Amino acid sequence: MFGDRLVGLKQSVDSAKKTIPAALALCARSDEVIVADGTYGAFTVPVEDVTVRSVNGPERTVIDAGGKRRCVDFSTPDGGEIVAALEGFTLCNGQTAYVGGGAYGGILKRCIVRDNVAGTAGGGLYGCRAENTIIVRNSSETFGGGAAYSTLVNCSVAGNRTNGEEGGGLYYGHAVNTV
């Protein structure tokens, strides 16, 4: 599935792996994981203060959850939040019965969050900070089709929906220079 693509820590080409979780398993606090172009599966970020960055941006580097789980989970098993960053990815086809179909927690920069679903809130994002990110065609059953309880800075939010009555684009969050 992953061919010859490599994912590795910025400090060492020798540490390159074929999956993002394999590279994250080697990380320590403040490490940076550089990801080659391609389509990758969903994952959980297990390390505080790590950055996962694509080489060539969201048009060429995709995290596709295949409708089975959220794309990226920045939470601990006990429900705490991991503060870490994801930069330059498309997050698509995430699905969860609860919140955050695209991402739960964390910081997203220069991403595209599209076609994700949440059973309750935040079809695209829940509890995230997104910067220079496009949030499109996400949905939720109750509120916040695009994002809920999130901060959006210089983002574009369009075509998101909720089956509830509140916040097709953004519910209970902050939007700065966002359309």
Foldseek 3Di string as FASTA:
>chain_A
DQPPWWKEWPVDPVCTDSAPVSRLVPDAAQIEIEGEFDEHEADERPYARYEYEYDPAAVGHEYANQLPAARYEQADPVGHGGAYEYEGHEFENAEEAAEARHYEEYEYERYEFEHAEYAAEQRGYENYEYENYEFEHAEYAAEHRRYEQYEYELYEWDHAQYVHDYHSTYYHYHYHNYD
